[in-house]
N, C-alpha and C. Protein backbone atom coordinates (compact mmCIF):
# COMPACT_ATOMS: atom_id res chain seq x y z
N UNK A 1 36.87 85.53 2.62
CA UNK A 1 37.03 86.74 3.43
C UNK A 1 36.14 86.65 4.67
N UNK A 2 36.74 86.81 5.82
CA UNK A 2 35.99 86.77 7.07
C UNK A 2 35.51 88.17 7.43
N UNK A 3 34.22 88.30 7.65
CA UNK A 3 33.64 89.59 8.04
C UNK A 3 33.17 89.45 9.48
N UNK A 4 33.88 90.06 10.46
CA UNK A 4 33.50 89.90 11.85
C UNK A 4 32.17 90.56 12.16
N UNK A 5 31.39 89.90 13.03
CA UNK A 5 30.13 90.49 13.47
C UNK A 5 30.40 91.51 14.57
N UNK A 6 29.56 92.52 14.69
CA UNK A 6 29.74 93.51 15.76
C UNK A 6 29.68 92.85 17.13
N UNK A 7 30.51 93.34 18.05
CA UNK A 7 30.48 92.84 19.43
C UNK A 7 29.24 93.38 20.13
N UNK A 8 28.57 92.52 20.87
CA UNK A 8 27.41 92.94 21.65
C UNK A 8 27.51 92.33 23.04
N UNK A 9 27.05 93.07 24.03
CA UNK A 9 27.05 92.59 25.40
C UNK A 9 25.74 91.85 25.67
N UNK A 10 25.70 91.10 26.76
CA UNK A 10 24.48 90.38 27.12
C UNK A 10 23.29 91.32 27.31
N UNK A 11 23.45 92.45 28.04
CA UNK A 11 22.31 93.38 28.15
C UNK A 11 21.83 93.88 26.79
N UNK A 12 22.76 94.13 25.87
CA UNK A 12 22.36 94.58 24.53
C UNK A 12 21.60 93.48 23.80
N UNK A 13 22.04 92.23 23.95
CA UNK A 13 21.35 91.12 23.31
C UNK A 13 19.90 91.05 23.81
N UNK A 14 19.72 91.15 25.13
CA UNK A 14 18.37 91.07 25.70
C UNK A 14 17.51 92.24 25.24
N UNK A 15 18.10 93.44 25.23
CA UNK A 15 17.34 94.61 24.79
C UNK A 15 16.94 94.50 23.33
N UNK A 16 17.82 94.01 22.50
CA UNK A 16 17.52 93.91 21.07
C UNK A 16 16.56 92.77 20.77
N UNK A 17 16.59 91.71 21.59
CA UNK A 17 15.59 90.66 21.45
C UNK A 17 14.20 91.21 21.78
N UNK A 18 14.14 92.01 22.85
CA UNK A 18 12.87 92.65 23.21
C UNK A 18 12.42 93.57 22.08
N UNK A 19 13.36 94.34 21.54
CA UNK A 19 13.02 95.26 20.45
C UNK A 19 12.52 94.49 19.23
N UNK A 20 13.18 93.38 18.90
CA UNK A 20 12.76 92.57 17.75
C UNK A 20 11.35 92.04 17.96
N UNK A 21 11.03 91.64 19.20
CA UNK A 21 9.70 91.12 19.50
C UNK A 21 8.64 92.20 19.32
N UNK A 22 8.89 93.40 19.87
CA UNK A 22 7.93 94.49 19.77
C UNK A 22 7.76 94.92 18.32
N UNK A 23 8.87 95.11 17.63
CA UNK A 23 8.83 95.56 16.24
C UNK A 23 8.14 94.54 15.35
N UNK A 24 8.48 93.26 15.50
CA UNK A 24 7.87 92.22 14.67
C UNK A 24 6.36 92.14 14.91
N UNK A 25 5.96 92.24 16.19
CA UNK A 25 4.53 92.17 16.50
C UNK A 25 3.75 93.31 15.87
N UNK A 26 4.27 94.52 16.00
CA UNK A 26 3.58 95.69 15.45
C UNK A 26 3.62 95.69 13.92
N UNK A 27 4.80 95.45 13.37
CA UNK A 27 4.98 95.47 11.91
C UNK A 27 4.10 94.40 11.25
N UNK A 28 4.13 93.19 11.80
CA UNK A 28 3.35 92.11 11.23
C UNK A 28 1.86 92.35 11.32
N UNK A 29 1.41 92.84 12.47
CA UNK A 29 -0.02 93.10 12.63
C UNK A 29 -0.49 94.17 11.65
N UNK A 30 0.27 95.25 11.54
CA UNK A 30 -0.12 96.34 10.64
C UNK A 30 -0.16 95.86 9.19
N UNK A 31 0.85 95.09 8.78
CA UNK A 31 0.88 94.59 7.41
C UNK A 31 -0.33 93.71 7.11
N UNK A 32 -0.65 92.81 8.05
CA UNK A 32 -1.80 91.92 7.85
C UNK A 32 -3.11 92.71 7.86
N UNK A 33 -3.21 93.68 8.76
CA UNK A 33 -4.42 94.49 8.85
C UNK A 33 -4.65 95.28 7.58
N UNK A 34 -3.60 95.94 7.09
CA UNK A 34 -3.74 96.77 5.89
C UNK A 34 -4.05 95.90 4.68
N UNK A 35 -3.41 94.72 4.59
CA UNK A 35 -3.70 93.80 3.50
C UNK A 35 -5.17 93.39 3.52
N UNK A 36 -5.69 93.12 4.73
CA UNK A 36 -7.09 92.74 4.87
C UNK A 36 -8.00 93.88 4.44
N UNK A 37 -7.66 95.10 4.84
CA UNK A 37 -8.46 96.26 4.46
C UNK A 37 -8.45 96.49 2.95
N UNK A 38 -7.35 96.07 2.30
CA UNK A 38 -7.24 96.22 0.86
C UNK A 38 -7.97 95.10 0.11
N UNK A 39 -8.46 94.10 0.87
CA UNK A 39 -9.22 93.02 0.26
C UNK A 39 -8.55 91.67 0.27
N UNK A 40 -7.27 91.60 0.69
CA UNK A 40 -6.54 90.33 0.73
C UNK A 40 -6.56 89.79 2.16
N UNK A 41 -7.42 88.83 2.41
CA UNK A 41 -7.62 88.32 3.77
C UNK A 41 -6.76 87.09 4.07
N UNK A 42 -5.88 86.74 3.14
CA UNK A 42 -5.01 85.59 3.35
C UNK A 42 -4.23 85.63 4.65
N UNK A 43 -3.54 86.73 4.96
CA UNK A 43 -2.80 86.80 6.21
C UNK A 43 -3.69 86.64 7.44
N UNK A 44 -4.94 87.10 7.36
CA UNK A 44 -5.86 86.92 8.47
C UNK A 44 -6.18 85.44 8.66
N UNK A 45 -6.45 84.75 7.56
CA UNK A 45 -6.72 83.32 7.63
C UNK A 45 -5.50 82.54 8.09
N UNK A 46 -4.31 83.04 7.78
CA UNK A 46 -3.07 82.37 8.18
C UNK A 46 -2.68 82.68 9.62
N UNK A 47 -3.48 83.48 10.31
CA UNK A 47 -3.18 83.82 11.69
C UNK A 47 -2.16 84.93 11.87
N UNK A 48 -1.90 85.69 10.80
CA UNK A 48 -0.89 86.75 10.88
C UNK A 48 -1.47 88.06 11.41
N UNK A 49 -2.78 88.16 11.53
CA UNK A 49 -3.38 89.40 12.03
C UNK A 49 -3.38 89.35 13.56
N UNK A 50 -2.20 89.45 14.11
CA UNK A 50 -1.99 89.38 15.55
C UNK A 50 -0.72 90.14 15.89
N UNK A 51 -0.62 90.58 17.14
CA UNK A 51 0.60 91.25 17.58
C UNK A 51 1.58 90.26 18.21
N UNK A 52 1.25 88.98 18.18
CA UNK A 52 2.15 87.95 18.73
C UNK A 52 3.42 87.89 17.89
N UNK A 53 4.58 88.26 18.45
CA UNK A 53 5.80 88.29 17.64
C UNK A 53 6.25 86.91 17.20
N UNK A 54 5.85 85.86 17.92
CA UNK A 54 6.26 84.51 17.54
C UNK A 54 5.66 84.10 16.20
N UNK A 55 4.54 84.72 15.84
CA UNK A 55 3.89 84.44 14.57
C UNK A 55 4.61 85.13 13.42
N UNK A 56 5.20 86.28 13.69
CA UNK A 56 5.79 87.11 12.64
C UNK A 56 7.31 87.04 12.55
N UNK A 57 7.97 86.69 13.64
CA UNK A 57 9.43 86.81 13.69
C UNK A 57 10.10 85.85 12.71
N UNK A 58 11.14 86.34 12.08
CA UNK A 58 11.98 85.56 11.18
C UNK A 58 13.31 85.30 11.90
N UNK A 59 13.77 84.07 11.96
CA UNK A 59 14.95 83.75 12.75
C UNK A 59 16.17 84.53 12.28
N UNK A 60 16.32 84.67 10.96
CA UNK A 60 17.45 85.46 10.45
C UNK A 60 17.25 86.93 10.80
N UNK A 61 16.01 87.38 10.75
CA UNK A 61 15.72 88.76 11.13
C UNK A 61 16.00 89.02 12.60
N UNK A 62 15.77 88.04 13.45
CA UNK A 62 16.07 88.20 14.88
C UNK A 62 17.58 88.33 15.07
N UNK A 63 18.35 87.51 14.37
CA UNK A 63 19.82 87.62 14.45
C UNK A 63 20.28 88.98 13.95
N UNK A 64 19.63 89.47 12.90
CA UNK A 64 19.98 90.80 12.38
C UNK A 64 19.68 91.88 13.42
N UNK A 65 18.60 91.70 14.18
CA UNK A 65 18.28 92.67 15.23
C UNK A 65 19.36 92.70 16.29
N UNK A 66 19.89 91.54 16.64
CA UNK A 66 20.92 91.47 17.68
C UNK A 66 22.20 92.14 17.22
N UNK A 67 22.63 91.85 16.00
CA UNK A 67 23.94 92.33 15.55
C UNK A 67 23.90 93.65 14.78
N UNK A 68 22.76 93.96 14.13
CA UNK A 68 22.71 95.14 13.28
C UNK A 68 21.57 96.09 13.60
N UNK A 69 20.77 95.77 14.61
CA UNK A 69 19.65 96.62 15.05
C UNK A 69 18.64 96.89 13.94
N UNK A 70 18.33 95.86 13.19
CA UNK A 70 17.29 95.91 12.17
C UNK A 70 16.70 94.52 12.05
N UNK A 71 15.42 94.43 11.72
CA UNK A 71 14.80 93.13 11.57
C UNK A 71 13.78 93.17 10.44
N UNK A 72 13.14 92.05 10.18
CA UNK A 72 12.09 91.97 9.17
C UNK A 72 11.17 90.81 9.51
N UNK A 73 10.06 90.71 8.79
CA UNK A 73 9.05 89.71 9.08
C UNK A 73 9.35 88.39 8.38
N UNK A 74 8.83 87.31 8.97
CA UNK A 74 8.78 86.05 8.23
C UNK A 74 7.93 86.29 6.99
N UNK A 75 8.35 85.77 5.82
CA UNK A 75 7.60 86.05 4.59
C UNK A 75 6.10 85.82 4.76
N UNK A 76 5.33 86.78 4.27
CA UNK A 76 3.88 86.76 4.41
C UNK A 76 3.24 86.39 3.07
N UNK A 77 2.33 85.43 3.12
CA UNK A 77 1.64 85.00 1.90
C UNK A 77 0.62 86.07 1.50
N UNK A 78 0.90 86.78 0.43
CA UNK A 78 0.00 87.83 -0.06
C UNK A 78 -0.27 87.62 -1.54
N UNK A 79 -1.53 87.64 -1.91
CA UNK A 79 -1.92 87.55 -3.32
C UNK A 79 -2.61 88.85 -3.69
N UNK A 80 -1.88 89.73 -4.36
CA UNK A 80 -2.43 91.05 -4.65
C UNK A 80 -3.62 90.99 -5.61
N UNK A 81 -3.77 89.88 -6.32
CA UNK A 81 -4.93 89.75 -7.20
C UNK A 81 -6.23 89.72 -6.42
N UNK A 82 -6.14 89.38 -5.13
CA UNK A 82 -7.32 89.38 -4.28
C UNK A 82 -7.68 90.78 -3.79
N UNK A 83 -6.78 91.71 -3.97
CA UNK A 83 -7.03 93.08 -3.52
C UNK A 83 -7.93 93.81 -4.51
N UNK A 84 -8.68 94.76 -4.00
CA UNK A 84 -9.59 95.51 -4.87
C UNK A 84 -8.83 96.27 -5.95
N UNK A 85 -7.66 96.77 -5.59
CA UNK A 85 -6.78 97.42 -6.56
C UNK A 85 -5.37 96.87 -6.33
N UNK A 86 -4.94 95.89 -7.13
CA UNK A 86 -3.67 95.20 -6.84
C UNK A 86 -2.47 96.13 -6.67
N UNK A 87 -2.26 97.05 -7.60
CA UNK A 87 -1.10 97.93 -7.50
C UNK A 87 -1.20 98.84 -6.28
N UNK A 88 -2.34 99.47 -6.11
CA UNK A 88 -2.52 100.39 -4.99
C UNK A 88 -2.46 99.62 -3.67
N UNK A 89 -3.07 98.45 -3.63
CA UNK A 89 -3.05 97.65 -2.40
C UNK A 89 -1.64 97.26 -2.01
N UNK A 90 -0.85 96.80 -2.98
CA UNK A 90 0.54 96.43 -2.69
C UNK A 90 1.33 97.64 -2.20
N UNK A 91 1.12 98.80 -2.84
CA UNK A 91 1.81 100.02 -2.45
C UNK A 91 1.47 100.42 -1.02
N UNK A 92 0.19 100.35 -0.67
CA UNK A 92 -0.23 100.74 0.68
C UNK A 92 0.35 99.80 1.73
N UNK A 93 0.37 98.49 1.43
CA UNK A 93 0.93 97.53 2.39
C UNK A 93 2.41 97.82 2.62
N UNK A 94 3.15 98.08 1.54
CA UNK A 94 4.59 98.37 1.68
C UNK A 94 4.82 99.63 2.50
N UNK A 95 4.06 100.69 2.22
CA UNK A 95 4.30 101.97 2.90
C UNK A 95 3.74 102.00 4.31
N UNK A 96 2.76 101.15 4.60
CA UNK A 96 2.19 101.13 5.95
C UNK A 96 3.24 100.70 6.97
N UNK A 97 4.15 99.82 6.56
CA UNK A 97 5.18 99.34 7.49
C UNK A 97 6.06 100.45 8.03
N UNK A 98 6.72 101.25 7.15
CA UNK A 98 7.55 102.35 7.65
C UNK A 98 6.77 103.36 8.47
N UNK A 99 5.52 103.65 8.09
CA UNK A 99 4.71 104.59 8.86
C UNK A 99 4.45 104.04 10.27
N UNK A 100 4.14 102.75 10.35
CA UNK A 100 3.91 102.13 11.66
C UNK A 100 5.18 102.12 12.48
N UNK A 101 6.32 101.88 11.83
CA UNK A 101 7.59 101.87 12.55
C UNK A 101 7.97 103.26 13.05
N UNK A 102 7.66 104.29 12.25
CA UNK A 102 7.92 105.66 12.70
C UNK A 102 7.06 105.99 13.91
N UNK A 103 5.78 105.59 13.87
CA UNK A 103 4.90 105.85 15.01
C UNK A 103 5.38 105.11 16.25
N UNK A 104 5.81 103.86 16.07
CA UNK A 104 6.33 103.08 17.21
C UNK A 104 7.57 103.74 17.79
N UNK A 105 8.46 104.21 16.92
CA UNK A 105 9.69 104.85 17.39
C UNK A 105 9.37 106.14 18.15
N UNK A 106 8.38 106.90 17.69
CA UNK A 106 7.98 108.12 18.40
C UNK A 106 7.44 107.76 19.79
N UNK A 107 6.59 106.74 19.86
CA UNK A 107 6.02 106.34 21.15
C UNK A 107 7.11 105.86 22.10
N UNK A 108 8.06 105.08 21.59
CA UNK A 108 9.15 104.59 22.43
C UNK A 108 10.01 105.75 22.94
N UNK A 109 10.24 106.73 22.07
CA UNK A 109 11.06 107.89 22.46
C UNK A 109 10.34 108.74 23.50
N UNK A 110 9.05 108.96 23.31
CA UNK A 110 8.28 109.71 24.29
C UNK A 110 8.22 108.97 25.62
N UNK A 111 8.13 107.64 25.55
CA UNK A 111 8.10 106.84 26.78
C UNK A 111 9.41 106.95 27.53
N UNK A 112 10.51 107.11 26.81
CA UNK A 112 11.81 107.30 27.48
C UNK A 112 11.78 108.53 28.38
N UNK A 113 11.21 109.60 27.87
CA UNK A 113 11.14 110.83 28.66
C UNK A 113 10.26 110.63 29.89
N UNK A 114 9.22 109.83 29.73
CA UNK A 114 8.31 109.60 30.85
C UNK A 114 8.96 108.78 31.95
N UNK A 115 9.66 107.70 31.59
CA UNK A 115 10.23 106.83 32.62
C UNK A 115 11.36 107.51 33.38
N UNK A 116 12.04 108.42 32.71
CA UNK A 116 13.12 109.15 33.40
C UNK A 116 12.58 109.94 34.58
N UNK A 117 11.38 110.44 34.45
CA UNK A 117 10.81 111.29 35.50
C UNK A 117 9.95 110.52 36.50
N UNK A 118 9.68 109.25 36.22
CA UNK A 118 8.76 108.51 37.09
C UNK A 118 9.39 107.31 37.79
N UNK A 119 10.43 106.72 37.21
CA UNK A 119 11.01 105.52 37.80
C UNK A 119 12.27 105.85 38.59
N UNK A 120 12.62 104.98 39.55
CA UNK A 120 13.90 105.14 40.24
C UNK A 120 15.05 105.06 39.24
N UNK A 121 16.19 105.64 39.61
CA UNK A 121 17.29 105.79 38.67
C UNK A 121 17.71 104.47 38.03
N UNK A 122 17.93 103.42 38.82
CA UNK A 122 18.41 102.16 38.27
C UNK A 122 17.41 101.56 37.29
N UNK A 123 16.12 101.62 37.64
CA UNK A 123 15.09 101.09 36.75
C UNK A 123 14.95 101.96 35.51
N UNK A 124 15.10 103.27 35.68
CA UNK A 124 14.97 104.19 34.56
C UNK A 124 16.07 103.96 33.53
N UNK A 125 17.28 103.67 33.99
CA UNK A 125 18.39 103.41 33.07
C UNK A 125 18.10 102.19 32.21
N UNK A 126 17.63 101.11 32.85
CA UNK A 126 17.31 99.89 32.11
C UNK A 126 16.16 100.12 31.14
N UNK A 127 15.13 100.81 31.60
CA UNK A 127 13.95 101.03 30.76
C UNK A 127 14.27 101.92 29.57
N UNK A 128 15.04 102.98 29.80
CA UNK A 128 15.36 103.89 28.70
C UNK A 128 16.24 103.19 27.66
N UNK A 129 17.14 102.33 28.11
CA UNK A 129 17.99 101.58 27.17
C UNK A 129 17.14 100.65 26.31
N UNK A 130 16.18 99.97 26.95
CA UNK A 130 15.31 99.05 26.21
C UNK A 130 14.44 99.82 25.21
N UNK A 131 13.91 100.96 25.63
CA UNK A 131 13.07 101.76 24.74
C UNK A 131 13.88 102.36 23.60
N UNK A 132 15.13 102.73 23.90
CA UNK A 132 16.00 103.24 22.83
C UNK A 132 16.24 102.16 21.79
N UNK A 133 16.43 100.92 22.25
CA UNK A 133 16.64 99.81 21.32
C UNK A 133 15.40 99.60 20.45
N UNK A 134 14.22 99.70 21.05
CA UNK A 134 12.99 99.55 20.28
C UNK A 134 12.91 100.63 19.21
N UNK A 135 13.20 101.88 19.59
CA UNK A 135 13.14 102.99 18.63
C UNK A 135 14.15 102.80 17.50
N UNK A 136 15.37 102.40 17.84
CA UNK A 136 16.41 102.22 16.83
C UNK A 136 16.05 101.10 15.85
N UNK A 137 15.61 99.97 16.38
CA UNK A 137 15.26 98.84 15.52
C UNK A 137 14.05 99.20 14.66
N UNK A 138 13.09 99.93 15.22
CA UNK A 138 11.91 100.32 14.46
C UNK A 138 12.27 101.22 13.28
N UNK A 139 13.10 102.22 13.52
CA UNK A 139 13.49 103.15 12.45
C UNK A 139 14.25 102.40 11.35
N UNK A 140 15.23 101.58 11.75
CA UNK A 140 16.02 100.84 10.76
C UNK A 140 15.16 99.85 10.00
N UNK A 141 14.24 99.19 10.69
CA UNK A 141 13.36 98.22 10.03
C UNK A 141 12.44 98.88 9.03
N UNK A 142 11.91 100.04 9.39
CA UNK A 142 11.06 100.77 8.45
C UNK A 142 11.79 101.16 7.19
N UNK A 143 13.05 101.58 7.34
CA UNK A 143 13.85 101.98 6.18
C UNK A 143 14.23 100.78 5.32
N UNK A 144 14.82 99.77 5.94
CA UNK A 144 15.30 98.60 5.20
C UNK A 144 14.14 97.83 4.57
N UNK A 145 12.98 97.87 5.24
CA UNK A 145 11.82 97.18 4.72
C UNK A 145 11.31 97.71 3.40
N UNK A 146 11.81 98.87 2.98
CA UNK A 146 11.41 99.44 1.69
C UNK A 146 12.20 98.85 0.52
N UNK A 147 13.27 98.14 0.82
CA UNK A 147 14.07 97.57 -0.27
C UNK A 147 13.26 96.52 -1.03
N UNK A 148 13.32 96.51 -2.35
CA UNK A 148 12.51 95.58 -3.15
C UNK A 148 13.10 94.18 -3.20
N UNK A 149 13.33 93.62 -2.02
CA UNK A 149 13.98 92.31 -1.93
C UNK A 149 13.14 91.35 -1.10
N UNK A 150 12.69 90.24 -1.66
CA UNK A 150 12.18 89.19 -0.79
C UNK A 150 13.36 88.73 0.08
N UNK A 151 13.20 88.43 1.34
CA UNK A 151 11.95 88.23 2.07
C UNK A 151 11.39 89.50 2.72
N UNK A 152 11.95 90.66 2.45
CA UNK A 152 11.45 91.90 3.02
C UNK A 152 10.05 92.19 2.48
N UNK A 153 9.26 92.92 3.27
CA UNK A 153 7.93 93.28 2.81
C UNK A 153 8.02 94.15 1.56
N UNK A 154 9.16 94.85 1.40
CA UNK A 154 9.38 95.65 0.21
C UNK A 154 9.43 94.83 -1.07
N UNK A 155 9.49 93.50 -0.94
CA UNK A 155 9.41 92.66 -2.12
C UNK A 155 8.11 92.85 -2.88
N UNK A 156 7.11 93.43 -2.20
CA UNK A 156 5.83 93.71 -2.86
C UNK A 156 5.94 94.83 -3.89
N UNK A 157 7.07 95.55 -3.89
CA UNK A 157 7.25 96.55 -4.95
C UNK A 157 7.11 95.90 -6.32
N UNK A 158 7.50 94.63 -6.43
CA UNK A 158 7.38 93.94 -7.71
C UNK A 158 5.92 93.84 -8.13
N UNK A 159 5.03 93.68 -7.14
CA UNK A 159 3.60 93.61 -7.46
C UNK A 159 3.06 94.97 -7.87
N UNK A 160 3.70 96.04 -7.39
CA UNK A 160 3.30 97.39 -7.82
C UNK A 160 3.65 97.57 -9.29
N UNK A 161 4.81 97.06 -9.68
CA UNK A 161 5.24 97.15 -11.08
C UNK A 161 4.41 96.24 -11.97
N UNK A 162 4.16 95.00 -11.47
CA UNK A 162 3.40 94.02 -12.26
C UNK A 162 2.56 93.18 -11.32
N UNK A 163 1.27 93.47 -11.18
CA UNK A 163 0.40 92.71 -10.27
C UNK A 163 0.53 91.20 -10.51
N UNK A 164 0.67 90.47 -9.40
CA UNK A 164 0.86 89.03 -9.48
C UNK A 164 2.31 88.63 -9.38
N UNK A 165 3.24 89.60 -9.49
CA UNK A 165 4.66 89.27 -9.46
C UNK A 165 5.12 88.79 -8.10
N UNK A 166 4.30 89.02 -7.04
CA UNK A 166 4.70 88.54 -5.72
C UNK A 166 4.77 87.01 -5.67
N UNK A 167 4.07 86.35 -6.62
CA UNK A 167 4.17 84.88 -6.70
C UNK A 167 5.60 84.48 -7.03
N UNK A 168 6.21 85.20 -7.98
CA UNK A 168 7.62 84.96 -8.30
C UNK A 168 8.50 85.25 -7.10
N UNK A 169 8.17 86.33 -6.36
CA UNK A 169 8.99 86.73 -5.22
C UNK A 169 8.91 85.71 -4.09
N UNK A 170 7.86 84.87 -4.07
CA UNK A 170 7.73 83.87 -3.01
C UNK A 170 8.42 82.56 -3.37
N UNK A 171 8.95 82.46 -4.58
CA UNK A 171 9.67 81.25 -4.98
C UNK A 171 10.84 81.00 -4.02
N UNK A 172 11.03 79.75 -3.60
CA UNK A 172 12.05 79.43 -2.60
C UNK A 172 13.43 79.91 -3.01
N UNK A 173 13.77 79.73 -4.27
CA UNK A 173 15.09 80.15 -4.72
C UNK A 173 15.25 81.66 -4.67
N UNK A 174 14.19 82.38 -4.99
CA UNK A 174 14.23 83.84 -4.92
C UNK A 174 14.36 84.29 -3.46
N UNK A 175 13.63 83.63 -2.56
CA UNK A 175 13.71 83.97 -1.15
C UNK A 175 15.12 83.75 -0.61
N UNK A 176 15.71 82.61 -0.96
CA UNK A 176 17.08 82.32 -0.50
C UNK A 176 18.05 83.37 -1.02
N UNK A 177 17.91 83.71 -2.30
CA UNK A 177 18.77 84.74 -2.88
C UNK A 177 18.57 86.07 -2.17
N UNK A 178 17.31 86.37 -1.82
CA UNK A 178 17.03 87.61 -1.09
C UNK A 178 17.69 87.65 0.27
N UNK A 179 17.63 86.53 0.98
CA UNK A 179 18.30 86.45 2.29
C UNK A 179 19.80 86.70 2.14
N UNK A 180 20.37 86.10 1.12
CA UNK A 180 21.82 86.25 0.89
C UNK A 180 22.17 87.70 0.61
N UNK A 181 21.37 88.36 -0.22
CA UNK A 181 21.64 89.76 -0.57
C UNK A 181 21.50 90.66 0.66
N UNK A 182 20.42 90.47 1.43
CA UNK A 182 20.21 91.31 2.62
C UNK A 182 21.34 91.08 3.62
N UNK A 183 21.72 89.82 3.84
CA UNK A 183 22.81 89.52 4.77
C UNK A 183 24.11 90.16 4.30
N UNK A 184 24.38 90.10 2.99
CA UNK A 184 25.60 90.69 2.45
C UNK A 184 25.60 92.21 2.63
N UNK A 185 24.45 92.85 2.40
CA UNK A 185 24.36 94.30 2.57
C UNK A 185 24.63 94.71 4.01
N UNK A 186 24.14 93.90 4.96
CA UNK A 186 24.35 94.21 6.38
C UNK A 186 25.79 93.93 6.80
N UNK A 187 26.30 92.77 6.43
CA UNK A 187 27.62 92.36 6.92
C UNK A 187 28.75 93.14 6.29
N UNK A 188 28.55 93.64 5.08
CA UNK A 188 29.59 94.45 4.44
C UNK A 188 29.48 95.92 4.81
N UNK A 189 28.43 96.29 5.55
CA UNK A 189 28.28 97.68 5.99
C UNK A 189 27.69 98.60 4.95
N UNK A 190 27.19 98.06 3.84
CA UNK A 190 26.64 98.92 2.79
C UNK A 190 25.36 99.63 3.22
N UNK A 191 24.68 99.07 4.23
CA UNK A 191 23.46 99.72 4.73
C UNK A 191 23.74 100.60 5.95
N UNK A 192 24.98 100.60 6.44
CA UNK A 192 25.29 101.39 7.63
C UNK A 192 24.99 102.87 7.42
N UNK A 193 25.43 103.41 6.30
CA UNK A 193 25.23 104.84 6.04
C UNK A 193 23.77 105.24 6.03
N UNK A 194 22.93 104.57 5.22
CA UNK A 194 21.50 104.93 5.21
C UNK A 194 20.83 104.75 6.57
N UNK A 195 21.18 103.68 7.28
CA UNK A 195 20.55 103.45 8.59
C UNK A 195 20.96 104.53 9.59
N UNK A 196 22.24 104.86 9.61
CA UNK A 196 22.70 105.90 10.54
C UNK A 196 22.12 107.26 10.16
N UNK A 197 21.97 107.53 8.88
CA UNK A 197 21.32 108.78 8.45
C UNK A 197 19.88 108.80 8.94
N UNK A 198 19.17 107.68 8.84
CA UNK A 198 17.78 107.62 9.30
C UNK A 198 17.71 107.85 10.81
N UNK A 199 18.63 107.24 11.56
CA UNK A 199 18.64 107.45 13.01
C UNK A 199 18.89 108.92 13.35
N UNK A 200 19.93 109.49 12.73
CA UNK A 200 20.26 110.90 13.03
C UNK A 200 19.09 111.82 12.67
N UNK A 201 18.49 111.60 11.52
CA UNK A 201 17.40 112.46 11.07
C UNK A 201 16.19 112.33 11.98
N UNK A 202 15.84 111.10 12.29
CA UNK A 202 14.64 110.84 13.08
C UNK A 202 14.79 111.38 14.51
N UNK A 203 15.87 110.98 15.17
CA UNK A 203 16.04 111.40 16.56
C UNK A 203 16.40 112.88 16.65
N UNK A 204 16.99 113.42 15.58
CA UNK A 204 17.24 114.87 15.56
C UNK A 204 15.92 115.64 15.55
N UNK A 205 14.95 115.15 14.78
CA UNK A 205 13.64 115.81 14.75
C UNK A 205 12.95 115.77 16.10
N UNK A 206 13.23 114.72 16.87
CA UNK A 206 12.60 114.56 18.19
C UNK A 206 13.42 115.22 19.31
N UNK A 207 14.54 115.80 18.92
CA UNK A 207 15.35 116.50 19.92
C UNK A 207 16.30 115.63 20.68
N UNK A 208 16.70 114.47 20.10
CA UNK A 208 17.67 113.60 20.76
C UNK A 208 18.99 113.62 20.02
């Protein structure tokens, strides 16, 4: 069965690439920072405590940003046994991502209002479109990132259930299976409803 990918224009591709870069940088930095604060300094030693999107971006996640306006991080090496409280630490790391994405989406949305009143019309149109893409990708990424599927950060839910289970989630075969499941959910449209609900709810609260 052939499942066609959504059509995207070149400007949309560029805007979503920018959005993927911003989202990956913020999401990855926050995840590494919170893990470090919980006692797991592995991501810091691995160079993940940075806003550089090239360190965090996942190639499949970048493609997902272009076609489905959602992305995720390159799998992060986390050992919850190093955390002061493994279950609580894993829970905080998972939930910090959506909170950071919500904050990023709010900032991008507020910035849209600012550029409309300060930039010339042609520049304002381009800037608002790019900021809208950042907000959309951030909201969708925060939601989808909660799914308990490696390679998503939500794979740490397994460590909440059983500390140390993230080792199983990092197994190559499990990661490949996770990629397949996430891709299938996106390409078959099974995540369209929840993502669109999140967009409507979020931007409705902000008056958009």
